[in-house]
Amino acid sequence: MLKRIAQTAGFAGLLAALLLTLLQSLWVTPLILEAETYESAEPVAEHSHAPGAVAHEHHHDADAWAPEDGAQRILFTGLSNLVVAVGFALMLAGLYSLRAPGRIWQGLLWGLAGFATFSLAPAIGLPPELPGTAAAELLLRQYWWVGTAATTAAGLALLAFGGQWWLRLLGLLLLPLPHMVGAPQPEVHESLVPTALSQHFIVTSLLVNALFWAALGLISAWLFGRGQRVS
């Protein structure tokens, strides 16, 4: 079983990471590069849009290392995607060992549940951000993201596998809980990039993540089922 989980996670993570890197290179990276032109055009900008609001400054460290555009950037993006994809694939394969999908298409449902848990639900309060966008304190956002993912996962699990009505009701109540608490927000909402570009980036990022999770779910379900038949 451990060997099947490792093989499923390794191959599914690799294929899904390649797809994610390709989609990001075609759709997401151009938007980031465009946003960086706005950011670099105004290296230090102070904004105050409300009386008494605390001014925010955008600082840009010229000595900070970043991968060069082109092959180097794609390589480092692909490596980070591989680590993340294999980790998520390990999670799915581990869940399959407890409740294996009977059909390959059921892997799509697992993948979409992963997308809802780790991408869609957190994006409701903390949407994907382009460079040059003001944000709340990083630690607070990380706490809220983890809490939202955990609550969404528990809610979806109770809705899908809760044997009694009150368990499913509890799952339904858990889903909006982190959004009722609210995600941490900056004191002043500001961005150096146009609103249309930010909205385009949010939609594109969510679409890319949805395709990634759909592929990861389908591939992992197929590989896990294939390993089960071989054994």
Protein backbone atom coordinates (compact mmCIF):
# COMPACT_ATOMS: atom_id res chain seq x y z
CA MET A 1 0.00 0.00 0.00
CA LEU A 2 2.81 2.43 0.86
CA LYS A 3 4.51 1.66 -2.43
CA ARG A 4 1.27 2.27 -4.34
CA ILE A 5 0.72 5.58 -2.54
CA ALA A 6 4.29 6.71 -3.29
CA GLN A 7 4.11 5.70 -6.94
CA THR A 8 0.72 7.34 -7.40
CA ALA A 9 1.89 10.56 -5.76
CA GLY A 10 5.16 10.65 -7.68
CA PHE A 11 3.79 10.14 -11.17
CA ALA A 12 0.55 12.09 -10.66
CA GLY A 13 2.43 14.97 -9.05
CA LEU A 14 4.95 15.09 -11.88
CA LEU A 15 2.33 15.15 -14.65
CA ALA A 16 0.11 17.65 -12.85
CA ALA A 17 3.12 19.90 -12.12
CA LEU A 18 4.09 19.90 -15.79
CA LEU A 19 0.54 20.91 -16.74
CA LEU A 20 0.45 23.61 -14.05
CA THR A 21 3.80 25.04 -15.15
CA LEU A 22 2.68 25.13 -18.79
CA LEU A 23 -0.58 26.89 -17.96
CA GLN A 24 1.15 29.37 -15.69
CA SER A 25 3.73 30.16 -18.37
CA LEU A 26 1.01 30.79 -20.94
CA TRP A 27 -1.61 32.59 -18.86
CA VAL A 28 -0.36 33.66 -15.41
CA THR A 29 3.27 34.72 -15.86
CA PRO A 30 2.49 37.34 -18.56
CA LEU A 31 0.10 39.03 -16.13
CA ILE A 32 2.74 39.05 -13.38
CA LEU A 33 5.34 40.51 -15.75
CA GLU A 34 2.89 43.21 -16.79
CA ALA A 35 2.18 44.04 -13.13
CA GLU A 36 5.91 44.25 -12.41
CA THR A 37 6.21 47.02 -14.99
CA TYR A 38 3.80 49.13 -12.94
CA GLU A 39 5.65 48.25 -9.75
CA SER A 40 9.10 49.10 -11.12
CA ALA A 41 7.80 52.34 -12.62
CA GLU A 42 7.10 53.63 -9.10
CA PRO A 43 9.87 52.30 -6.82
CA VAL A 44 8.70 54.16 -3.72
CA ALA A 45 5.14 55.38 -3.53
CA GLU A 46 3.26 56.64 -0.51
CA HIS A 47 -0.52 56.44 -0.51
CA SER A 48 -3.16 57.75 1.83
CA HIS A 49 -6.71 57.56 0.55
CA ALA A 50 -8.65 58.33 3.71
CA PRO A 51 -8.41 60.96 6.44
CA GLY A 52 -6.35 59.63 9.31
CA ALA A 53 -5.33 56.52 7.38
CA VAL A 54 -1.86 55.19 7.92
CA ALA A 55 0.29 55.79 4.86
CA HIS A 56 1.72 52.72 3.13
CA GLU A 57 4.96 52.58 1.25
CA HIS A 58 5.98 50.16 -1.48
CA HIS A 59 9.68 49.36 -1.18
CA HIS A 60 11.64 47.46 -3.78
CA ASP A 61 14.96 45.93 -2.85
CA ALA A 62 17.24 46.15 -5.84
CA ASP A 63 19.62 43.61 -4.28
CA ALA A 64 16.92 40.96 -3.73
CA TRP A 65 17.54 37.90 -5.91
CA ALA A 66 14.88 36.79 -8.35
CA PRO A 67 15.04 34.31 -11.22
CA GLU A 68 15.58 35.87 -14.62
CA ASP A 69 12.72 35.94 -17.07
CA GLY A 70 12.61 33.06 -19.50
CA ALA A 71 14.05 29.59 -18.93
CA GLN A 72 15.34 30.27 -15.41
CA ARG A 73 12.00 31.54 -14.20
CA ILE A 74 10.15 28.61 -15.76
CA LEU A 75 12.63 26.15 -14.21
CA PHE A 76 12.26 27.46 -10.67
CA THR A 77 8.48 27.74 -11.07
CA GLY A 78 8.35 24.15 -12.29
CA LEU A 79 10.45 22.87 -9.38
CA SER A 80 8.25 24.60 -6.81
CA ASN A 81 5.15 23.31 -8.58
CA LEU A 82 6.56 19.78 -8.47
CA VAL A 83 7.05 19.92 -4.70
CA VAL A 84 3.53 21.24 -4.14
CA ALA A 85 1.92 18.82 -6.61
CA VAL A 86 3.61 15.74 -5.14
CA GLY A 87 2.55 16.85 -1.66
CA PHE A 88 -1.08 17.23 -2.71
CA ALA A 89 -0.91 13.94 -4.63
CA LEU A 90 0.37 12.20 -1.48
CA MET A 91 -2.62 13.58 0.38
CA LEU A 92 -5.05 12.31 -2.28
CA ALA A 93 -3.39 8.88 -2.50
CA GLY A 94 -3.52 8.58 1.28
CA LEU A 95 -7.24 9.35 1.20
CA TYR A 96 -7.70 6.81 -1.58
CA SER A 97 -6.24 4.16 0.70
CA LEU A 98 -9.13 4.84 3.08
CA ARG A 99 -11.84 5.27 0.45
CA ALA A 100 -10.64 4.31 -3.02
CA PRO A 101 -12.52 5.83 -5.98
CA GLY A 102 -14.44 3.13 -7.79
CA ARG A 103 -14.27 4.97 -11.12
CA ILE A 104 -11.67 7.27 -12.63
CA TRP A 105 -14.19 10.11 -12.92
CA GLN A 106 -14.59 10.03 -9.14
CA GLY A 107 -11.01 11.26 -8.98
CA LEU A 108 -12.30 14.44 -10.61
CA LEU A 109 -14.62 14.95 -7.62
CA TRP A 110 -11.67 14.52 -5.25
CA GLY A 111 -9.69 17.00 -7.32
CA LEU A 112 -12.49 19.56 -7.32
CA ALA A 113 -12.81 19.14 -3.56
CA GLY A 114 -9.10 19.90 -3.29
CA PHE A 115 -9.57 22.99 -5.46
CA ALA A 116 -12.46 24.17 -3.30
CA THR A 117 -10.45 23.57 -0.13
CA PHE A 118 -7.06 25.01 -1.04
CA SER A 119 -7.86 27.56 -3.77
CA LEU A 120 -11.49 28.66 -4.07
CA ALA A 121 -12.49 29.03 -0.41
CA PRO A 122 -9.34 30.95 0.63
CA ALA A 123 -9.63 33.13 -2.48
CA ILE A 124 -13.03 34.40 -1.32
CA GLY A 125 -11.33 36.30 1.48
CA LEU A 126 -7.77 36.50 0.17
CA PRO A 127 -7.83 36.51 -3.63
CA PRO A 128 -4.60 35.98 -5.57
CA GLU A 129 -2.57 39.20 -5.60
CA LEU A 130 -0.27 40.75 -8.15
CA PRO A 131 2.99 42.51 -7.19
CA GLY A 132 2.38 46.02 -5.95
CA THR A 133 -0.82 45.19 -4.07
CA ALA A 134 -1.23 46.15 -0.41
CA ALA A 135 -1.90 43.24 1.94
CA ALA A 136 -2.39 42.56 5.63
CA GLU A 137 0.33 41.09 7.82
CA LEU A 138 1.63 37.83 6.37
CA LEU A 139 1.31 35.77 9.56
CA LEU A 140 -2.32 36.76 10.02
CA ARG A 141 -3.10 35.82 6.43
CA GLN A 142 -1.38 32.48 6.85
CA TYR A 143 -3.39 31.69 10.00
CA TRP A 144 -6.64 32.58 8.24
CA TRP A 145 -5.69 30.55 5.15
CA VAL A 146 -4.91 27.43 7.21
CA GLY A 147 -8.11 27.82 9.22
CA THR A 148 -10.18 28.29 6.08
CA ALA A 149 -8.67 25.26 4.35
CA ALA A 150 -9.15 23.06 7.44
CA THR A 151 -12.74 24.21 7.97
CA THR A 152 -13.62 23.76 4.29
CA ALA A 153 -12.07 20.28 4.21
CA ALA A 154 -13.99 19.25 7.33
CA GLY A 155 -17.23 20.69 6.00
CA LEU A 156 -16.93 18.96 2.63
CA ALA A 157 -16.00 15.66 4.32
CA LEU A 158 -19.06 15.80 6.55
CA LEU A 159 -21.30 16.67 3.61
CA ALA A 160 -19.94 13.82 1.49
CA PHE A 161 -19.47 11.09 4.09
CA GLY A 162 -21.58 12.11 7.07
CA GLY A 163 -23.95 9.23 7.62
CA GLN A 164 -26.48 11.19 9.65
CA TRP A 165 -28.36 14.35 8.81
CA TRP A 166 -26.94 16.33 11.70
CA LEU A 167 -23.39 15.61 10.54
CA ARG A 168 -24.20 16.95 7.10
CA LEU A 169 -25.88 19.97 8.67
CA LEU A 170 -22.73 20.57 10.71
CA GLY A 171 -20.65 20.34 7.54
CA LEU A 172 -22.90 22.87 5.84
CA LEU A 173 -22.52 25.25 8.77
CA LEU A 174 -18.73 24.92 8.79
CA LEU A 175 -18.27 26.11 5.20
CA PRO A 176 -19.16 29.81 5.70
CA LEU A 177 -17.61 30.02 9.19
CA PRO A 178 -14.16 31.47 8.24
CA HIS A 179 -15.81 33.99 5.92
CA MET A 180 -18.09 35.12 8.72
CA VAL A 181 -14.98 35.71 10.84
CA GLY A 182 -13.41 37.53 7.90
CA ALA A 183 -9.96 37.48 6.36
CA PRO A 184 -7.35 39.96 7.60
CA GLN A 185 -7.30 43.06 5.41
CA PRO A 186 -4.87 45.98 5.03
CA GLU A 187 -5.81 49.27 6.63
CA VAL A 188 -5.91 50.86 3.19
CA HIS A 189 -6.75 48.92 0.04
CA GLU A 190 -4.37 50.06 -2.65
CA SER A 191 -2.58 48.74 -5.70
CA LEU A 192 -0.11 50.02 -8.23
CA VAL A 193 -1.71 47.95 -11.00
CA PRO A 194 -5.04 48.66 -12.73
CA THR A 195 -8.15 47.06 -11.28
CA ALA A 196 -8.94 45.29 -14.55
CA LEU A 197 -5.53 43.60 -14.53
CA SER A 198 -5.99 42.46 -10.92
CA GLN A 199 -9.41 41.00 -11.69
CA HIS A 200 -8.07 39.25 -14.77
CA PHE A 201 -5.27 37.77 -12.65
CA ILE A 202 -7.72 36.46 -10.03
CA VAL A 203 -9.93 34.74 -12.60
CA THR A 204 -6.97 33.31 -14.51
CA SER A 205 -5.24 32.03 -11.37
CA LEU A 206 -8.40 30.28 -10.18
CA LEU A 207 -8.98 28.73 -13.61
CA VAL A 208 -5.40 27.44 -13.77
CA ASN A 209 -5.69 25.97 -10.27
CA ALA A 210 -9.02 24.34 -11.15
CA LEU A 211 -7.47 22.65 -14.18
CA PHE A 212 -4.48 21.57 -12.10
CA TRP A 213 -6.66 19.99 -9.42
CA ALA A 214 -8.92 18.33 -11.97
CA ALA A 215 -5.89 16.78 -13.68
CA LEU A 216 -4.34 15.75 -10.37
CA GLY A 217 -7.55 14.06 -9.25
CA LEU A 218 -8.09 12.19 -12.51
CA ILE A 219 -4.46 11.08 -12.93
CA SER A 220 -4.07 10.01 -9.31
CA ALA A 221 -7.33 8.05 -9.38
CA TRP A 222 -6.29 6.28 -12.58
CA LEU A 223 -2.83 5.43 -11.26
CA PHE A 224 -4.14 4.28 -7.89
CA GLY A 225 -6.78 2.08 -9.49
CA ARG A 226 -4.23 0.68 -11.94
CA GLY A 227 -1.89 -0.21 -9.09
CA GLN A 228 -4.76 -1.87 -7.26
CA ARG A 229 -5.61 -4.02 -10.29
CA VAL A 230 -1.97 -5.01 -10.82
CA SER A 231 -1.52 -6.01 -7.19
